[in-house]
C-alpha atoms as a PDB file:
ATOM      1  CA  MET A   1     -25.444 -67.957 -70.815  1.00  0.00           C
ATOM      2  CA  LYS A   2     -21.889 -69.259 -70.625  1.00  0.00           C
ATOM      3  CA  TRP A   3     -20.547 -65.807 -71.620  1.00  0.00           C
ATOM      4  CA  VAL A   4     -22.547 -64.145 -68.854  1.00  0.00           C
ATOM      5  CA  PHE A   5     -20.890 -66.396 -66.266  1.00  0.00           C
ATOM      6  CA  ILE A   6     -17.475 -65.753 -67.784  1.00  0.00           C
ATOM      7  CA  GLY A   7     -18.090 -61.993 -67.755  1.00  0.00           C
ATOM      8  CA  VAL A   8     -19.366 -61.954 -64.175  1.00  0.00           C
ATOM      9  CA  GLY A   9     -16.543 -64.231 -63.055  1.00  0.00           C
ATOM     10  CA  GLY A  10     -13.981 -62.020 -64.770  1.00  0.00           C
ATOM     11  CA  LEU A  11     -15.317 -58.876 -63.090  1.00  0.00           C
ATOM     12  CA  LEU A  12     -15.412 -60.624 -59.730  1.00  0.00           C
ATOM     13  CA  GLY A  13     -11.844 -61.833 -60.270  1.00  0.00           C
ATOM     14  CA  ILE A  14     -10.642 -58.309 -61.087  1.00  0.00           C
ATOM     15  CA  GLY A  15     -12.371 -56.965 -57.971  1.00  0.00           C
ATOM     16  CA  ILE A  16     -10.756 -59.619 -55.786  1.00  0.00           C
ATOM     17  CA  LEU A  17      -7.357 -58.978 -57.377  1.00  0.00           C
ATOM     18  CA  LEU A  18      -7.650 -55.217 -56.714  1.00  0.00           C
ATOM     19  CA  TYR A  19      -8.674 -55.882 -53.111  1.00  0.00           C
ATOM     20  CA  VAL A  20      -5.685 -58.187 -52.559  1.00  0.00           C
ATOM     21  CA  ILE A  21      -3.306 -55.634 -54.093  1.00  0.00           C
ATOM     22  CA  GLY A  22      -4.815 -53.033 -51.746  1.00  0.00           C
ATOM     23  CA  LEU A  23      -3.996 -55.235 -48.756  1.00  0.00           C
ATOM     24  CA  PHE A  24      -0.307 -54.846 -49.591  1.00  0.00           C
ATOM     25  CA  LEU A  25      -0.399 -51.070 -49.993  1.00  0.00           C
ATOM     26  CA  PRO A  26       0.282 -48.902 -46.934  1.00  0.00           C
ATOM     27  CA  GLN A  27      -2.793 -47.523 -45.216  1.00  0.00           C
ATOM     28  CA  ALA A  28      -1.131 -44.136 -44.571  1.00  0.00           C
ATOM     29  CA  HIS A  29       0.199 -41.714 -47.154  1.00  0.00           C
ATOM     30  CA  VAL A  30       1.544 -38.171 -47.356  1.00  0.00           C
ATOM     31  CA  ALA A  31       0.961 -35.960 -50.383  1.00  0.00           C
ATOM     32  CA  SER A  32       1.961 -32.336 -50.720  1.00  0.00           C
ATOM     33  CA  SER A  33       1.367 -29.745 -53.450  1.00  0.00           C
ATOM     34  CA  SER A  34       1.910 -26.022 -53.789  1.00  0.00           C
ATOM     35  CA  VAL A  35       1.153 -22.995 -55.948  1.00  0.00           C
ATOM     36  CA  LEU A  36       2.449 -19.447 -56.070  1.00  0.00           C
ATOM     37  CA  ILE A  37      -0.427 -16.964 -56.171  1.00  0.00           C
ATOM     38  CA  ARG A  38       0.475 -13.372 -57.025  1.00  0.00           C
ATOM     39  CA  GLN A  39      -1.593 -11.930 -54.183  1.00  0.00           C
ATOM     40  CA  PRO A  40      -0.773 -10.743 -50.656  1.00  0.00           C
ATOM     41  CA  VAL A  41      -0.720 -13.409 -47.948  1.00  0.00           C
ATOM     42  CA  ASP A  42      -3.621 -11.768 -46.064  1.00  0.00           C
ATOM     43  CA  SER A  43      -5.861 -11.849 -49.147  1.00  0.00           C
ATOM     44  CA  VAL A  44      -5.167 -15.511 -49.817  1.00  0.00           C
ATOM     45  CA  TRP A  45      -5.628 -16.366 -46.134  1.00  0.00           C
ATOM     46  CA  ARG A  46      -9.071 -14.728 -46.067  1.00  0.00           C
ATOM     47  CA  VAL A  47     -10.248 -16.881 -48.971  1.00  0.00           C
ATOM     48  CA  ILE A  48      -8.810 -20.107 -47.530  1.00  0.00           C
ATOM     49  CA  ARG A  49     -10.239 -19.396 -44.079  1.00  0.00           C
ATOM     50  CA  THR A  50     -13.743 -18.457 -45.271  1.00  0.00           C
ATOM     51  CA  PHE A  51     -15.118 -21.988 -45.553  1.00  0.00           C
ATOM     52  CA  ASP A  52     -18.706 -20.891 -46.084  1.00  0.00           C
ATOM     53  CA  GLU A  53     -17.718 -19.433 -49.473  1.00  0.00           C
ATOM     54  CA  TYR A  54     -15.923 -22.509 -50.844  1.00  0.00           C
ATOM     55  CA  ASP A  55     -18.977 -23.408 -52.907  1.00  0.00           C
ATOM     56  CA  THR A  56     -18.641 -20.081 -54.775  1.00  0.00           C
ATOM     57  CA  TRP A  57     -15.178 -20.820 -56.157  1.00  0.00           C
ATOM     58  CA  TRP A  58     -14.303 -24.521 -55.775  1.00  0.00           C
ATOM     59  CA  PRO A  59     -16.371 -26.530 -58.288  1.00  0.00           C
ATOM     60  CA  GLU A  60     -16.068 -29.746 -56.260  1.00  0.00           C
ATOM     61  CA  VAL A  61     -18.092 -28.202 -53.408  1.00  0.00           C
ATOM     62  CA  SER A  62     -21.825 -27.730 -53.914  1.00  0.00           C
ATOM     63  CA  SER A  63     -22.613 -26.297 -50.468  1.00  0.00           C
ATOM     64  CA  VAL A  64     -21.080 -25.690 -47.055  1.00  0.00           C
ATOM     65  CA  GLU A  65     -22.694 -25.851 -43.635  1.00  0.00           C
ATOM     66  CA  ARG A  66     -21.350 -24.629 -40.310  1.00  0.00           C
ATOM     67  CA  LEU A  67     -22.053 -27.147 -37.563  1.00  0.00           C
ATOM     68  CA  PRO A  68     -21.829 -26.709 -33.782  1.00  0.00           C
ATOM     69  CA  ASP A  69     -18.273 -26.724 -32.462  1.00  0.00           C
ATOM     70  CA  ARG A  70     -16.753 -30.051 -31.469  1.00  0.00           C
ATOM     71  CA  ASP A  71     -14.319 -30.033 -28.556  1.00  0.00           C
ATOM     72  CA  GLY A  72     -14.211 -26.242 -28.789  1.00  0.00           C
ATOM     73  CA  GLN A  73     -13.148 -26.354 -32.449  1.00  0.00           C
ATOM     74  CA  GLU A  74     -14.984 -25.258 -35.596  1.00  0.00           C
ATOM     75  CA  LEU A  75     -16.799 -27.953 -37.541  1.00  0.00           C
ATOM     76  CA  TRP A  76     -17.902 -27.586 -41.163  1.00  0.00           C
ATOM     77  CA  THR A  77     -19.521 -29.939 -43.651  1.00  0.00           C
ATOM     78  CA  LEU A  78     -18.490 -29.661 -47.282  1.00  0.00           C
ATOM     79  CA  ARG A  79     -21.048 -31.211 -49.611  1.00  0.00           C
ATOM     80  CA  GLN A  80     -19.489 -32.652 -52.727  1.00  0.00           C
ATOM     81  CA  ARG A  81     -20.827 -34.834 -55.507  1.00  0.00           C
ATOM     82  CA  THR A  82     -19.159 -37.767 -53.757  1.00  0.00           C
ATOM     83  CA  GLY A  83     -20.922 -37.050 -50.443  1.00  0.00           C
ATOM     84  CA  GLU A  84     -20.553 -35.026 -47.291  1.00  0.00           C
ATOM     85  CA  LEU A  85     -17.157 -34.334 -45.791  1.00  0.00           C
ATOM     86  CA  PRO A  86     -17.155 -33.023 -42.209  1.00  0.00           C
ATOM     87  CA  MET A  87     -14.015 -31.006 -41.504  1.00  0.00           C
ATOM     88  CA  GLN A  88     -12.821 -29.919 -38.063  1.00  0.00           C
ATOM     89  CA  VAL A  89     -10.394 -27.017 -37.664  1.00  0.00           C
ATOM     90  CA  ILE A  90      -7.708 -28.258 -35.274  1.00  0.00           C
ATOM     91  CA  GLU A  91      -5.204 -25.431 -35.707  1.00  0.00           C
ATOM     92  CA  SER A  92      -5.401 -21.929 -37.113  1.00  0.00           C
ATOM     93  CA  THR A  93      -2.584 -19.376 -37.083  1.00  0.00           C
ATOM     94  CA  ALA A  94      -3.695 -16.312 -39.034  1.00  0.00           C
ATOM     95  CA  ALA A  95      -2.059 -15.878 -42.441  1.00  0.00           C
ATOM     96  CA  GLU A  96       0.395 -18.727 -41.767  1.00  0.00           C
ATOM     97  CA  ARG A  97      -1.059 -22.158 -41.064  1.00  0.00           C
ATOM     98  CA  LEU A  98      -4.376 -23.972 -40.976  1.00  0.00           C
ATOM     99  CA  VAL A  99      -4.887 -27.625 -40.101  1.00  0.00           C
ATOM    100  CA  THR A 100      -8.170 -29.426 -40.689  1.00  0.00           C
ATOM    101  CA  ARG A 101      -9.067 -33.044 -40.129  1.00  0.00           C
ATOM    102  CA  ILE A 102     -11.815 -35.240 -41.478  1.00  0.00           C
ATOM    103  CA  ALA A 103     -14.256 -35.421 -38.590  1.00  0.00           C
ATOM    104  CA  ASP A 104     -16.060 -38.675 -39.385  1.00  0.00           C
ATOM    105  CA  ASP A 105     -14.558 -41.974 -38.253  1.00  0.00           C
ATOM    106  CA  ASN A 106     -17.105 -43.918 -40.339  1.00  0.00           C
ATOM    107  CA  LEU A 107     -15.692 -42.887 -43.705  1.00  0.00           C
ATOM    108  CA  PRO A 108     -13.355 -45.263 -45.602  1.00  0.00           C
ATOM    109  CA  PHE A 109     -10.609 -42.634 -45.323  1.00  0.00           C
ATOM    110  CA  GLY A 110      -9.389 -40.010 -42.878  1.00  0.00           C
ATOM    111  CA  GLY A 111      -6.578 -37.660 -42.077  1.00  0.00           C
ATOM    112  CA  THR A 112      -5.571 -34.022 -42.066  1.00  0.00           C
ATOM    113  CA  TRP A 113      -4.869 -31.217 -44.498  1.00  0.00           C
ATOM    114  CA  THR A 114      -2.237 -28.694 -43.465  1.00  0.00           C
ATOM    115  CA  TYR A 115      -2.321 -25.386 -45.339  1.00  0.00           C
ATOM    116  CA  GLU A 116       0.851 -23.314 -45.083  1.00  0.00           C
ATOM    117  CA  LEU A 117       1.187 -19.798 -46.475  1.00  0.00           C
ATOM    118  CA  ARG A 118       4.456 -17.989 -46.992  1.00  0.00           C
ATOM    119  CA  GLU A 119       5.317 -14.746 -48.733  1.00  0.00           C
ATOM    120  CA  GLN A 120       7.448 -15.434 -51.800  1.00  0.00           C
ATOM    121  CA  ASP A 121       8.436 -13.298 -54.801  1.00  0.00           C
ATOM    122  CA  GLY A 122       5.800 -10.671 -54.008  1.00  0.00           C
ATOM    123  CA  GLY A 123       3.029 -13.266 -53.786  1.00  0.00           C
ATOM    124  CA  THR A 124       1.917 -16.130 -51.591  1.00  0.00           C
ATOM    125  CA  LEU A 125       3.248 -19.658 -51.752  1.00  0.00           C
ATOM    126  CA  VAL A 126       0.410 -21.946 -50.647  1.00  0.00           C
ATOM    127  CA  THR A 127       1.321 -25.519 -49.726  1.00  0.00           C
ATOM    128  CA  VAL A 128      -1.261 -28.163 -48.858  1.00  0.00           C
ATOM    129  CA  THR A 129      -0.060 -31.377 -47.217  1.00  0.00           C
ATOM    130  CA  GLU A 130      -2.366 -34.330 -46.775  1.00  0.00           C
ATOM    131  CA  ASP A 131      -1.510 -36.817 -44.044  1.00  0.00           C
ATOM    132  CA  GLY A 132      -4.107 -39.372 -44.986  1.00  0.00           C
ATOM    133  CA  GLU A 133      -5.219 -42.881 -44.312  1.00  0.00           C
ATOM    134  CA  ILE A 134      -7.333 -45.114 -46.499  1.00  0.00           C
ATOM    135  CA  TYR A 135      -8.852 -47.918 -44.451  1.00  0.00           C
ATOM    136  CA  ASN A 136     -10.557 -49.954 -47.161  1.00  0.00           C
ATOM    137  CA  PRO A 137      -8.067 -51.949 -49.295  1.00  0.00           C
ATOM    138  CA  PHE A 138     -10.200 -51.574 -52.442  1.00  0.00           C
ATOM    139  CA  PHE A 139     -10.310 -47.764 -52.061  1.00  0.00           C
ATOM    140  CA  ARG A 140      -6.592 -47.835 -51.249  1.00  0.00           C
ATOM    141  CA  VAL A 141      -5.676 -49.445 -54.564  1.00  0.00           C
ATOM    142  CA  MET A 142      -8.081 -47.196 -56.488  1.00  0.00           C
ATOM    143  CA  SER A 143      -6.520 -44.105 -54.883  1.00  0.00           C
ATOM    144  CA  LYS A 144      -2.993 -45.288 -55.553  1.00  0.00           C
ATOM    145  CA  LEU A 145      -3.454 -46.499 -59.126  1.00  0.00           C
ATOM    146  CA  ILE A 146      -6.364 -44.501 -60.550  1.00  0.00           C
ATOM    147  CA  PHE A 147      -7.299 -41.330 -58.651  1.00  0.00           C
ATOM    148  CA  GLY A 148      -3.944 -40.425 -57.125  1.00  0.00           C
ATOM    149  CA  TYR A 149      -3.290 -38.789 -53.788  1.00  0.00           C
ATOM    150  CA  HIS A 150      -2.825 -35.305 -55.289  1.00  0.00           C
ATOM    151  CA  ARG A 151      -6.045 -34.993 -57.301  1.00  0.00           C
ATOM    152  CA  THR A 152      -8.115 -33.148 -54.694  1.00  0.00           C
ATOM    153  CA  GLN A 153      -5.201 -30.903 -53.698  1.00  0.00           C
ATOM    154  CA  GLU A 154      -4.617 -29.957 -57.312  1.00  0.00           C
ATOM    155  CA  SER A 155      -8.291 -29.229 -57.809  1.00  0.00           C
ATOM    156  CA  TYR A 156      -8.368 -27.087 -54.666  1.00  0.00           C
ATOM    157  CA  LEU A 157      -5.178 -25.140 -55.416  1.00  0.00           C
ATOM    158  CA  SER A 158      -6.126 -24.548 -59.060  1.00  0.00           C
ATOM    159  CA  ALA A 159      -9.571 -23.288 -58.035  1.00  0.00           C
ATOM    160  CA  LEU A 160      -8.008 -21.078 -55.361  1.00  0.00           C
ATOM    161  CA  ALA A 161      -5.746 -19.463 -57.957  1.00  0.00           C
ATOM    162  CA  GLN A 162      -8.679 -19.048 -60.355  1.00  0.00           C
ATOM    163  CA  LYS A 163     -10.578 -17.266 -57.574  1.00  0.00           C
ATOM    164  CA  PHE A 164      -7.902 -14.572 -57.940  1.00  0.00           C
ATOM    165  CA  GLY A 165      -8.049 -14.703 -61.747  1.00  0.00           C
ATOM    166  CA  GLU A 166      -4.768 -16.562 -62.026  1.00  0.00           C
ATOM    167  CA  ALA A 167      -3.884 -19.665 -63.983  1.00  0.00           C
ATOM    168  CA  VAL A 168      -1.184 -21.659 -62.230  1.00  0.00           C
ATOM    169  CA  VAL A 169       0.620 -24.927 -62.489  1.00  0.00           C
ATOM    170  CA  VAL A 170       0.361 -26.937 -59.293  1.00  0.00           C
ATOM    171  CA  GLU A 171       3.677 -28.374 -58.194  1.00  0.00           C
ATOM    172  CA  ARG A 172       3.723 -31.780 -56.543  1.00  0.00           C
ATOM    173  CA  LEU A 173       6.238 -31.757 -53.713  1.00  0.00           C
ATOM    174  CA  ARG A 174       5.845 -35.321 -52.438  1.00  0.00           C
END
């Protein structure tokens, strides 16, 4: 019985330590990654902008649902194994720039993704920048030390390239 208390106490101590470390980490972060896809900008734009097909090429998304507009802007829900992620389109400039934001203030995180497309070397340079916030200190330390801020971007950009039959190396910019 003594070992059970020691084990439970140790786990509780680790949890408290992680939470305290998270209190000292900044709530906001910026992460940016890019890939060069050997396809025309318009072709890449169509795939990025067609949210209702994300579940056909991005393994992290199991389904997508279009919701009624919010404040005159498109609203989509991406269903992932980790839960639902409502995304609002706040800016869209065809074949150049797309900005989405997490449209649920009750999640432990929030922020925007900015997608920028630029013609380069006969293909399309796609850059995704996350301006994020992680409100919960425990999630903050887990993101910083275990998951990383780039993981979802890298998954997205790799899947996007695979949609075009390309294998790429995602470059972390910041």
